[in-house]
N, C-alpha and C. Protein backbone atom coordinates (compact mmCIF):
# COMPACT_ATOMS: atom_id res chain seq x y z
N MET A 1 -46.87 74.84 -103.01
CA MET A 1 -46.27 74.05 -102.40
C MET A 1 -46.72 74.41 -100.64
N LEU A 2 -47.58 74.04 -100.13
CA LEU A 2 -47.77 74.36 -98.47
C LEU A 2 -46.73 73.68 -97.47
N THR A 3 -45.78 74.43 -97.45
CA THR A 3 -44.54 74.10 -96.44
C THR A 3 -45.20 74.45 -95.19
N ALA A 4 -44.84 73.73 -94.22
CA ALA A 4 -44.82 73.42 -92.84
C ALA A 4 -44.95 75.13 -92.39
N ARG A 5 -44.61 76.12 -92.79
CA ARG A 5 -44.19 77.47 -92.22
C ARG A 5 -45.66 78.33 -92.83
N ALA A 6 -46.22 78.12 -94.42
CA ALA A 6 -47.46 77.99 -94.79
C ALA A 6 -48.79 77.56 -94.17
N ALA A 7 -48.29 75.92 -93.79
CA ALA A 7 -49.36 75.98 -92.63
C ALA A 7 -50.00 76.48 -91.61
N SER A 8 -48.46 76.69 -90.99
CA SER A 8 -48.52 77.37 -89.90
C SER A 8 -49.41 78.58 -89.57
N ASP A 9 -49.45 79.42 -90.98
CA ASP A 9 -49.70 80.69 -91.38
C ASP A 9 -51.18 80.23 -91.31
N ILE A 10 -51.62 79.16 -92.12
CA ILE A 10 -53.12 78.98 -91.70
C ILE A 10 -53.70 78.30 -90.48
N ASP A 11 -52.90 78.41 -89.77
CA ASP A 11 -53.10 78.17 -87.87
C ASP A 11 -54.20 77.08 -88.08
N THR A 12 -53.80 75.54 -88.58
CA THR A 12 -54.04 74.28 -88.05
C THR A 12 -53.44 73.80 -87.12
N PRO A 13 -53.98 72.53 -86.63
CA PRO A 13 -53.82 71.47 -85.45
C PRO A 13 -52.25 70.94 -86.02
N ALA A 14 -51.49 70.83 -85.22
CA ALA A 14 -50.21 70.03 -85.20
C ALA A 14 -50.40 69.12 -86.27
N CYS A 15 -49.94 69.19 -87.37
CA CYS A 15 -49.93 67.54 -88.36
C CYS A 15 -49.09 68.14 -89.46
N ALA A 16 -48.55 67.33 -90.20
CA ALA A 16 -47.43 67.07 -91.23
C ALA A 16 -48.20 67.93 -92.37
N HIS A 17 -47.36 68.51 -92.68
CA HIS A 17 -47.93 69.24 -94.04
C HIS A 17 -47.08 68.90 -95.00
N ASP A 18 -46.39 69.07 -94.57
CA ASP A 18 -45.16 69.66 -96.23
C ASP A 18 -45.24 68.00 -96.72
N HIS A 19 -46.05 67.71 -97.93
CA HIS A 19 -46.11 66.41 -98.75
C HIS A 19 -45.63 66.69 -100.09
N GLY A 20 -44.80 67.72 -100.63
CA GLY A 20 -44.51 67.57 -101.91
C GLY A 20 -45.62 68.90 -102.54
N ALA A 21 -44.68 69.22 -103.65
CA ALA A 21 -44.94 70.59 -104.04
C ALA A 21 -46.29 70.54 -104.99
N ALA A 22 -46.93 70.94 -105.36
CA ALA A 22 -47.92 71.48 -106.05
C ALA A 22 -47.75 71.41 -107.47
N GLY A 23 -48.16 70.63 -108.46
CA GLY A 23 -47.47 70.97 -109.88
C GLY A 23 -48.21 71.48 -110.78
N LEU A 24 -48.14 71.79 -112.06
CA LEU A 24 -49.17 72.16 -112.74
C LEU A 24 -51.13 71.75 -112.83
N ARG A 25 -50.67 71.05 -112.46
CA ARG A 25 -52.20 70.28 -112.39
C ARG A 25 -53.46 70.82 -111.76
N PRO A 26 -54.56 70.79 -112.22
CA PRO A 26 -55.43 71.38 -111.16
C PRO A 26 -55.42 70.61 -110.35
N VAL A 27 -55.99 71.66 -109.08
CA VAL A 27 -55.69 71.42 -107.37
C VAL A 27 -57.23 70.70 -107.23
N VAL A 28 -57.77 69.57 -106.44
CA VAL A 28 -58.78 69.04 -105.84
C VAL A 28 -58.86 69.02 -104.72
N CYS A 29 -59.92 69.74 -103.64
CA CYS A 29 -59.37 69.76 -102.00
C CYS A 29 -60.42 68.54 -101.88
N LEU A 30 -60.02 67.62 -101.62
CA LEU A 30 -60.71 66.40 -100.79
C LEU A 30 -60.96 66.21 -99.25
N VAL A 31 -61.94 66.52 -98.35
CA VAL A 31 -62.44 66.91 -97.41
C VAL A 31 -63.12 65.71 -96.66
N CYS A 32 -62.83 65.20 -95.70
CA CYS A 32 -63.53 64.41 -94.99
C CYS A 32 -63.25 63.79 -93.35
N SER A 33 -64.03 63.44 -92.99
CA SER A 33 -63.41 63.03 -91.63
C SER A 33 -62.46 61.77 -91.31
N SER A 34 -61.62 61.39 -90.44
CA SER A 34 -61.24 60.36 -90.69
C SER A 34 -61.78 58.84 -90.76
N GLY A 35 -61.79 57.74 -90.40
CA GLY A 35 -62.36 56.24 -90.52
C GLY A 35 -63.01 56.63 -91.67
N GLY A 36 -64.39 55.82 -91.73
CA GLY A 36 -65.39 55.58 -92.31
C GLY A 36 -65.21 56.70 -94.15
N HIS A 37 -65.59 57.80 -93.12
CA HIS A 37 -65.58 59.02 -94.26
C HIS A 37 -64.32 58.93 -95.48
N PHE A 38 -63.65 58.95 -94.59
CA PHE A 38 -61.92 58.74 -95.15
C PHE A 38 -61.80 57.69 -96.26
N ALA A 39 -62.20 56.51 -96.10
CA ALA A 39 -61.96 55.17 -96.80
C ALA A 39 -62.69 55.35 -97.95
N GLU A 40 -63.94 55.85 -97.85
CA GLU A 40 -64.89 56.07 -98.98
C GLU A 40 -64.56 56.96 -99.77
N LEU A 41 -63.71 58.19 -99.49
CA LEU A 41 -63.36 59.12 -100.72
C LEU A 41 -62.42 58.78 -100.92
N TYR A 42 -61.17 58.21 -99.86
CA TYR A 42 -59.74 56.99 -101.05
C TYR A 42 -60.39 56.66 -101.91
N ARG A 43 -61.28 55.53 -101.70
CA ARG A 43 -61.64 54.52 -102.83
C ARG A 43 -61.87 55.34 -104.03
N LEU A 44 -61.74 56.46 -103.72
CA LEU A 44 -62.58 57.14 -105.31
C LEU A 44 -61.14 57.67 -105.98
N GLN A 45 -59.86 57.69 -105.64
CA GLN A 45 -58.99 58.02 -105.85
C GLN A 45 -58.65 58.34 -107.60
N GLU A 46 -59.31 56.87 -108.42
CA GLU A 46 -59.46 57.17 -109.85
C GLU A 46 -60.01 58.47 -110.30
N ALA A 47 -60.95 58.97 -109.54
CA ALA A 47 -62.00 60.03 -110.16
C ALA A 47 -60.92 61.19 -110.04
N TRP A 48 -59.98 61.40 -109.50
CA TRP A 48 -59.01 62.95 -109.59
C TRP A 48 -57.88 62.28 -110.61
N ARG A 49 -57.61 61.39 -110.86
CA ARG A 49 -56.77 61.29 -111.32
C ARG A 49 -56.33 62.39 -112.53
N GLY A 50 -55.48 62.80 -112.89
CA GLY A 50 -54.98 64.07 -113.70
C GLY A 50 -55.21 65.62 -112.92
N PHE A 51 -55.70 65.39 -111.13
CA PHE A 51 -55.58 66.93 -110.70
C PHE A 51 -54.57 66.29 -109.21
N GLU A 52 -54.09 67.44 -109.10
CA GLU A 52 -53.42 67.43 -107.70
C GLU A 52 -54.69 67.45 -106.48
N PRO A 53 -54.11 66.53 -105.79
CA PRO A 53 -55.02 66.11 -104.83
C PRO A 53 -54.14 67.05 -103.71
N VAL A 54 -55.49 67.63 -102.73
CA VAL A 54 -55.03 67.91 -101.37
C VAL A 54 -55.85 67.88 -100.57
N TRP A 55 -55.42 67.02 -99.33
CA TRP A 55 -56.32 66.47 -98.94
C TRP A 55 -56.64 67.03 -97.47
N ILE A 56 -57.76 67.26 -96.45
CA ILE A 56 -58.24 68.04 -95.71
C ILE A 56 -59.28 67.00 -94.52
N THR A 57 -58.24 66.57 -94.00
CA THR A 57 -58.75 65.47 -92.86
C THR A 57 -58.50 65.49 -91.44
N PHE A 58 -58.91 64.97 -90.53
CA PHE A 58 -57.98 64.52 -89.04
C PHE A 58 -56.65 64.36 -89.03
N ASP A 59 -56.11 64.55 -88.05
CA ASP A 59 -54.52 63.71 -87.56
C ASP A 59 -54.56 62.54 -87.49
N SER A 60 -55.07 61.54 -87.57
CA SER A 60 -54.83 60.25 -87.27
C SER A 60 -53.88 59.17 -87.92
N HIS A 61 -53.42 57.87 -87.24
CA HIS A 61 -52.81 57.41 -87.67
C HIS A 61 -52.88 56.44 -89.22
N ASP A 62 -54.39 56.79 -89.16
CA ASP A 62 -54.80 56.05 -90.38
C ASP A 62 -54.27 56.75 -91.40
N THR A 63 -55.13 58.17 -91.22
CA THR A 63 -54.83 58.96 -92.23
C THR A 63 -53.32 59.56 -92.65
N ARG A 64 -52.26 59.87 -91.50
CA ARG A 64 -50.65 59.58 -92.01
C ARG A 64 -50.40 58.66 -92.52
N SER A 65 -50.48 57.62 -92.28
CA SER A 65 -49.75 56.48 -92.98
C SER A 65 -50.81 56.08 -94.29
N VAL A 66 -51.90 56.30 -94.41
CA VAL A 66 -52.52 56.24 -95.77
C VAL A 66 -52.13 57.52 -96.85
N LEU A 67 -52.22 58.12 -96.28
CA LEU A 67 -51.58 59.70 -97.09
C LEU A 67 -49.87 60.03 -97.08
N ARG A 68 -49.48 58.93 -96.80
CA ARG A 68 -47.74 59.34 -96.46
C ARG A 68 -47.68 59.85 -98.35
N GLY A 69 -46.91 61.17 -98.07
CA GLY A 69 -46.36 61.48 -99.44
C GLY A 69 -46.88 62.15 -100.34
N GLN A 70 -48.38 62.31 -99.68
CA GLN A 70 -49.42 63.52 -100.22
C GLN A 70 -49.78 64.63 -99.67
N ARG A 71 -50.38 65.16 -99.98
CA ARG A 71 -50.37 66.81 -99.50
C ARG A 71 -51.68 66.82 -98.61
N MET A 72 -51.05 66.92 -97.00
CA MET A 72 -52.63 67.12 -96.23
C MET A 72 -52.50 68.08 -95.22
N ILE A 73 -53.72 68.22 -94.78
CA ILE A 73 -53.77 69.79 -94.24
C ILE A 73 -54.62 69.06 -92.78
N CYS A 74 -54.41 69.47 -91.62
CA CYS A 74 -55.55 68.62 -90.31
C CYS A 74 -56.62 69.85 -90.18
N ALA A 75 -57.71 69.36 -90.39
CA ALA A 75 -58.82 70.14 -90.05
C ALA A 75 -58.73 69.67 -88.04
N TYR A 76 -59.81 70.79 -87.84
CA TYR A 76 -60.03 70.57 -86.41
C TYR A 76 -60.95 69.81 -86.19
N GLY A 77 -60.72 68.50 -84.93
CA GLY A 77 -62.16 68.05 -84.34
C GLY A 77 -61.94 68.17 -83.05
N PRO A 78 -62.85 67.09 -82.45
CA PRO A 78 -63.93 66.96 -83.40
C PRO A 78 -64.96 68.13 -83.88
N THR A 79 -65.91 67.82 -84.83
CA THR A 79 -67.06 68.29 -85.34
C THR A 79 -68.55 68.30 -84.86
N ASN A 80 -68.66 67.35 -84.28
CA ASN A 80 -70.19 66.80 -84.28
C ASN A 80 -70.34 68.00 -82.71
N ARG A 81 -71.45 68.98 -83.88
CA ARG A 81 -72.13 69.80 -83.27
C ARG A 81 -71.29 70.55 -81.80
N ASN A 82 -69.76 71.06 -82.29
CA ASN A 82 -68.64 71.64 -81.71
C ASN A 82 -68.95 72.93 -82.49
N LEU A 83 -69.30 74.21 -81.78
CA LEU A 83 -69.19 75.29 -82.71
C LEU A 83 -68.08 76.03 -82.61
N VAL A 84 -67.37 75.55 -81.42
CA VAL A 84 -65.99 76.62 -82.07
C VAL A 84 -64.76 75.75 -83.08
N ASN A 85 -64.82 74.51 -83.17
CA ASN A 85 -64.27 74.08 -84.23
C ASN A 85 -65.08 74.12 -85.60
N LEU A 86 -66.21 74.21 -86.16
CA LEU A 86 -67.15 74.92 -86.71
C LEU A 86 -66.61 76.32 -87.20
N ALA A 87 -66.32 77.05 -86.52
CA ALA A 87 -65.86 78.75 -86.86
C ALA A 87 -64.60 78.14 -87.25
N ARG A 88 -63.42 77.30 -86.14
CA ARG A 88 -62.44 77.12 -86.43
C ARG A 88 -62.13 76.85 -88.10
N ASN A 89 -62.64 75.77 -87.87
CA ASN A 89 -62.98 74.95 -89.25
C ASN A 89 -63.37 75.75 -90.84
N THR A 90 -64.10 76.70 -90.66
CA THR A 90 -64.40 77.94 -91.55
C THR A 90 -63.63 78.81 -91.90
N VAL A 91 -62.59 78.86 -91.13
CA VAL A 91 -61.66 80.42 -91.03
C VAL A 91 -60.44 79.48 -91.94
N LEU A 92 -59.97 78.14 -91.58
CA LEU A 92 -59.51 76.98 -92.51
C LEU A 92 -59.63 76.67 -93.70
N ALA A 93 -61.03 76.91 -93.83
CA ALA A 93 -61.26 76.54 -95.56
C ALA A 93 -61.30 77.62 -96.38
N TRP A 94 -61.55 79.00 -95.36
CA TRP A 94 -61.42 80.21 -96.26
C TRP A 94 -59.89 80.26 -96.91
N ARG A 95 -59.16 80.10 -95.97
CA ARG A 95 -57.47 80.30 -96.00
C ARG A 95 -57.11 79.39 -97.05
N VAL A 96 -57.44 77.84 -96.86
CA VAL A 96 -56.79 76.65 -97.67
C VAL A 96 -57.80 77.12 -99.15
N LEU A 97 -58.83 77.56 -99.40
CA LEU A 97 -59.39 77.32 -100.49
C LEU A 97 -58.93 78.71 -101.52
N SER A 98 -58.49 79.47 -100.63
CA SER A 98 -58.11 80.83 -100.99
C SER A 98 -56.42 80.92 -101.36
N ARG A 99 -55.84 79.94 -101.05
CA ARG A 99 -54.62 79.61 -101.54
C ARG A 99 -54.56 78.56 -102.59
N GLU A 100 -55.05 77.72 -102.34
CA GLU A 100 -55.06 76.29 -103.41
C GLU A 100 -55.56 76.83 -104.80
N ARG A 101 -56.92 77.74 -104.80
CA ARG A 101 -57.66 78.01 -105.79
C ARG A 101 -58.11 76.40 -106.88
N PRO A 102 -58.54 75.97 -105.57
CA PRO A 102 -59.15 74.28 -106.21
C PRO A 102 -60.27 74.28 -107.42
N MET A 103 -60.20 73.37 -108.44
CA MET A 103 -61.07 73.18 -108.68
C MET A 103 -62.55 73.23 -108.73
N ALA A 104 -62.24 72.18 -107.83
CA ALA A 104 -63.53 71.68 -106.71
C ALA A 104 -63.41 71.22 -105.26
N VAL A 105 -64.22 71.11 -104.44
CA VAL A 105 -64.31 70.69 -103.16
C VAL A 105 -64.81 69.55 -103.18
N VAL A 106 -64.60 68.10 -102.75
CA VAL A 106 -65.00 67.18 -102.89
C VAL A 106 -65.43 66.31 -101.76
N SER A 107 -66.12 65.52 -100.55
CA SER A 107 -66.12 65.39 -99.76
C SER A 107 -67.27 64.35 -99.31
N THR A 108 -66.64 63.24 -98.71
CA THR A 108 -67.55 62.40 -97.97
C THR A 108 -68.21 62.58 -96.70
N GLY A 109 -68.09 64.13 -95.97
CA GLY A 109 -68.58 64.17 -94.95
C GLY A 109 -66.90 63.73 -93.48
N ALA A 110 -67.53 64.01 -92.75
CA ALA A 110 -68.87 64.33 -92.13
C ALA A 110 -68.80 66.02 -91.64
N GLY A 111 -69.15 65.91 -90.83
CA GLY A 111 -69.17 67.92 -89.93
C GLY A 111 -67.99 68.75 -90.73
N VAL A 112 -67.20 68.22 -90.87
CA VAL A 112 -66.08 69.37 -91.47
C VAL A 112 -66.29 69.41 -93.05
N ALA A 113 -67.05 69.07 -93.51
CA ALA A 113 -67.60 69.12 -95.21
C ALA A 113 -68.28 70.47 -95.16
N VAL A 114 -69.09 70.66 -93.88
CA VAL A 114 -69.74 71.73 -93.82
C VAL A 114 -69.28 73.04 -94.05
N PRO A 115 -68.41 73.69 -93.40
CA PRO A 115 -67.64 74.67 -93.87
C PRO A 115 -66.69 75.02 -94.96
N PHE A 116 -66.32 73.61 -95.64
CA PHE A 116 -65.64 73.61 -96.94
C PHE A 116 -66.76 74.23 -98.04
N LEU A 117 -67.47 73.14 -97.85
CA LEU A 117 -68.51 73.53 -99.05
C LEU A 117 -69.41 74.61 -98.68
N LEU A 118 -69.36 75.68 -97.44
CA LEU A 118 -69.63 76.30 -97.38
C LEU A 118 -69.07 77.81 -98.15
N VAL A 119 -67.97 77.44 -97.70
CA VAL A 119 -66.77 78.49 -98.45
C VAL A 119 -66.79 78.27 -99.64
N ALA A 120 -66.65 76.88 -100.71
CA ALA A 120 -66.09 76.58 -102.03
C ALA A 120 -67.75 77.56 -102.57
N ARG A 121 -68.92 77.47 -102.36
CA ARG A 121 -69.97 77.95 -102.58
C ARG A 121 -69.79 79.26 -102.32
N LEU A 122 -69.62 80.61 -101.24
CA LEU A 122 -69.32 81.80 -102.02
C LEU A 122 -68.29 81.85 -102.20
N ARG A 123 -67.28 80.87 -102.93
CA ARG A 123 -66.18 81.75 -103.84
C ARG A 123 -66.23 80.97 -105.48
N GLN A 124 -67.81 80.47 -105.37
CA GLN A 124 -67.77 80.02 -106.91
C GLN A 124 -67.01 78.72 -107.25
N ILE A 125 -66.61 78.09 -106.32
CA ILE A 125 -65.99 76.99 -106.51
C ILE A 125 -66.83 75.07 -106.40
N ALA A 126 -66.54 74.72 -107.55
CA ALA A 126 -67.43 73.28 -107.89
C ALA A 126 -67.55 72.50 -106.13
N GLY A 127 -68.25 72.55 -105.65
CA GLY A 127 -68.26 71.62 -104.32
C GLY A 127 -69.38 70.07 -104.47
N VAL A 128 -69.17 69.09 -104.10
CA VAL A 128 -69.15 67.81 -105.00
C VAL A 128 -69.52 67.09 -103.27
N TYR A 129 -70.82 66.56 -102.71
CA TYR A 129 -70.97 65.84 -101.27
C TYR A 129 -71.21 64.64 -101.77
N ILE A 130 -70.77 64.05 -101.32
CA ILE A 130 -71.38 62.20 -101.27
C ILE A 130 -71.27 61.80 -99.86
N GLU A 131 -72.69 61.14 -100.37
CA GLU A 131 -73.50 61.00 -98.88
C GLU A 131 -73.13 59.55 -98.18
N SER A 132 -73.12 59.13 -97.25
CA SER A 132 -72.76 58.18 -96.66
C SER A 132 -73.50 57.20 -96.89
N LEU A 133 -72.26 55.63 -97.66
CA LEU A 133 -73.21 54.20 -98.13
C LEU A 133 -73.88 54.25 -96.60
N ALA A 134 -73.53 54.29 -95.53
CA ALA A 134 -74.91 54.25 -94.37
C ALA A 134 -75.96 54.54 -94.14
N ARG A 135 -76.23 55.54 -94.97
CA ARG A 135 -77.08 56.36 -94.85
C ARG A 135 -78.40 55.94 -96.19
N VAL A 136 -79.43 54.99 -95.75
CA VAL A 136 -79.93 54.24 -96.19
C VAL A 136 -81.45 54.66 -97.17
N SER A 137 -82.19 55.47 -95.52
CA SER A 137 -83.21 56.02 -95.97
C SER A 137 -83.16 58.04 -95.30
N ASP A 138 -82.43 57.97 -94.86
CA ASP A 138 -82.29 59.58 -94.70
C ASP A 138 -80.94 60.17 -94.72
N LEU A 139 -80.75 61.60 -95.10
CA LEU A 139 -79.59 62.32 -94.93
C LEU A 139 -78.99 62.33 -93.44
N SER A 140 -77.61 62.47 -92.97
CA SER A 140 -76.96 62.73 -92.67
C SER A 140 -77.05 63.81 -92.05
N LEU A 141 -76.66 64.52 -90.82
CA LEU A 141 -76.75 65.94 -90.46
C LEU A 141 -76.40 66.88 -91.40
N SER A 142 -74.76 66.15 -91.61
CA SER A 142 -73.78 67.16 -92.54
C SER A 142 -74.47 67.04 -94.10
N GLY A 143 -75.31 65.92 -94.14
CA GLY A 143 -75.78 65.77 -95.47
C GLY A 143 -77.12 66.43 -95.48
N ARG A 144 -77.81 66.93 -94.45
CA ARG A 144 -78.98 67.98 -94.81
C ARG A 144 -78.39 69.09 -94.93
N ILE A 145 -77.60 69.34 -94.92
CA ILE A 145 -77.03 71.00 -94.51
C ILE A 145 -76.16 71.26 -96.34
N THR A 146 -75.53 70.29 -96.48
CA THR A 146 -74.72 70.01 -97.36
C THR A 146 -75.49 70.17 -98.50
N TYR A 147 -76.54 69.76 -98.39
CA TYR A 147 -77.78 69.40 -100.21
C TYR A 147 -77.83 70.72 -100.62
N HIS A 148 -78.13 72.25 -99.71
CA HIS A 148 -78.01 73.04 -100.25
C HIS A 148 -76.81 73.97 -100.56
N LEU A 149 -75.90 72.94 -100.20
CA LEU A 149 -74.28 74.15 -100.22
C LEU A 149 -73.53 73.73 -101.65
N ALA A 150 -74.06 72.30 -101.83
CA ALA A 150 -73.40 71.50 -103.01
C ALA A 150 -73.85 71.94 -104.19
N SER A 151 -72.63 71.90 -105.28
CA SER A 151 -73.07 71.86 -106.68
C SER A 151 -73.74 70.74 -107.01
N GLU A 152 -73.02 69.17 -106.53
CA GLU A 152 -73.43 68.39 -106.75
C GLU A 152 -73.64 67.24 -105.44
N PHE A 153 -74.48 67.02 -105.71
CA PHE A 153 -74.84 66.03 -104.40
C PHE A 153 -75.21 64.58 -104.71
N LEU A 154 -74.52 63.50 -104.21
CA LEU A 154 -74.50 62.12 -105.18
C LEU A 154 -75.13 61.61 -103.32
N VAL A 155 -75.75 60.39 -103.64
CA VAL A 155 -76.38 59.53 -102.61
C VAL A 155 -75.85 57.85 -103.40
N GLN A 156 -75.92 57.30 -102.25
CA GLN A 156 -75.14 55.31 -102.64
C GLN A 156 -76.63 54.55 -102.36
N TRP A 157 -77.58 55.30 -102.69
CA TRP A 157 -78.70 54.46 -102.22
C TRP A 157 -79.56 54.94 -103.14
N PRO A 158 -80.43 54.33 -104.01
CA PRO A 158 -81.21 54.99 -105.21
C PRO A 158 -82.69 55.58 -104.69
N GLY A 159 -82.95 54.90 -103.61
CA GLY A 159 -84.64 55.48 -103.03
C GLY A 159 -84.16 56.85 -102.58
N LEU A 160 -83.24 57.46 -102.58
CA LEU A 160 -82.67 58.51 -102.04
C LEU A 160 -83.48 59.68 -102.78
N THR A 161 -82.85 59.14 -103.69
CA THR A 161 -83.26 60.70 -104.76
C THR A 161 -84.72 60.78 -104.78
N GLU A 162 -85.73 60.04 -104.53
CA GLU A 162 -87.07 60.32 -104.11
C GLU A 162 -87.58 61.20 -103.53
N ARG A 163 -87.02 61.14 -102.22
CA ARG A 163 -86.66 62.17 -100.97
C ARG A 163 -86.04 63.56 -100.97
N TYR A 164 -84.97 63.45 -101.99
CA TYR A 164 -84.24 64.36 -102.14
C TYR A 164 -83.78 64.69 -103.94
N PRO A 165 -84.74 65.72 -104.71
CA PRO A 165 -84.99 65.81 -106.11
C PRO A 165 -83.28 66.14 -106.77
N ARG A 166 -82.64 67.02 -105.97
CA ARG A 166 -81.33 67.21 -106.77
C ARG A 166 -80.17 66.57 -106.23
N ALA A 167 -80.78 65.21 -105.34
CA ALA A 167 -79.80 64.39 -105.47
C ALA A 167 -79.78 63.12 -106.46
N ARG A 168 -78.09 62.78 -106.89
CA ARG A 168 -78.29 61.92 -108.03
C ARG A 168 -77.70 60.73 -107.52
N TYR A 169 -78.16 59.32 -107.99
CA TYR A 169 -77.67 58.01 -107.38
C TYR A 169 -76.62 57.58 -109.11
N GLU A 170 -74.90 57.20 -108.53
CA GLU A 170 -74.09 56.73 -109.38
C GLU A 170 -73.64 55.76 -109.18
N GLY A 171 -74.09 55.05 -108.22
CA GLY A 171 -73.71 53.64 -107.35
C GLY A 171 -73.11 54.04 -106.28
N ARG A 172 -72.44 52.94 -106.26
CA ARG A 172 -72.23 52.78 -104.22
C ARG A 172 -70.63 52.81 -104.39
N VAL A 173 -69.74 53.20 -103.44
CA VAL A 173 -68.43 53.42 -103.35
C VAL A 173 -67.74 52.15 -102.92
N LEU A 174 -68.20 51.66 -101.65
CA LEU A 174 -67.97 50.39 -100.92
C LEU A 174 -68.89 48.90 -101.68
C-alpha cells in the first residue's frame, strides 16, 4: 500500500495518496497528463481489468474526483519543455516503478510519459504508449520520443502506421 508516509518518501507534489491497499493482483501503472490524455486512458479501463491500477497523473479537480477511491500518485507539472520537472518526474518514475514493480506502464501522454517509459525500459518493464486521437498525420513530441522507448506503440489513425512502421493501429479510444 502506498500510504501518505510512503508517498512523502517519494517526494511528490501535494496530493492525496492513500487510496487503498494493493491487492494480490499484478500492478499496472497508468501514466498521463490530466484533461484529454486522462480521458482517453480512463476510457480504456476494461483493458486492465484483473490488474491493480496505479495512476500517475497531475493533481486536478477532474483526476481527484474521477479517481476517488483509486490509487493515485501525483506527477510534477507542467511538463511541456520543462527540464526541472522532467528531472523530478524521472526520479519519481524510478522510485514508483521500483516500489510498485508493475507488469506494465501504459500511457496516453503527454510529457509525463517520457520519464516513466524511459525508466520502464531501463528496468525491463513493458511500456505501452497510445498516441492521442488528435494526432492524425504526425506524432506529438512525446510520441516521437516514446516511439523509441515503448515496447508497444499504438496510434489511433491507420495512416500513421505507414510513416511509423513500429506503430500499430488497433482502433480509436474515443
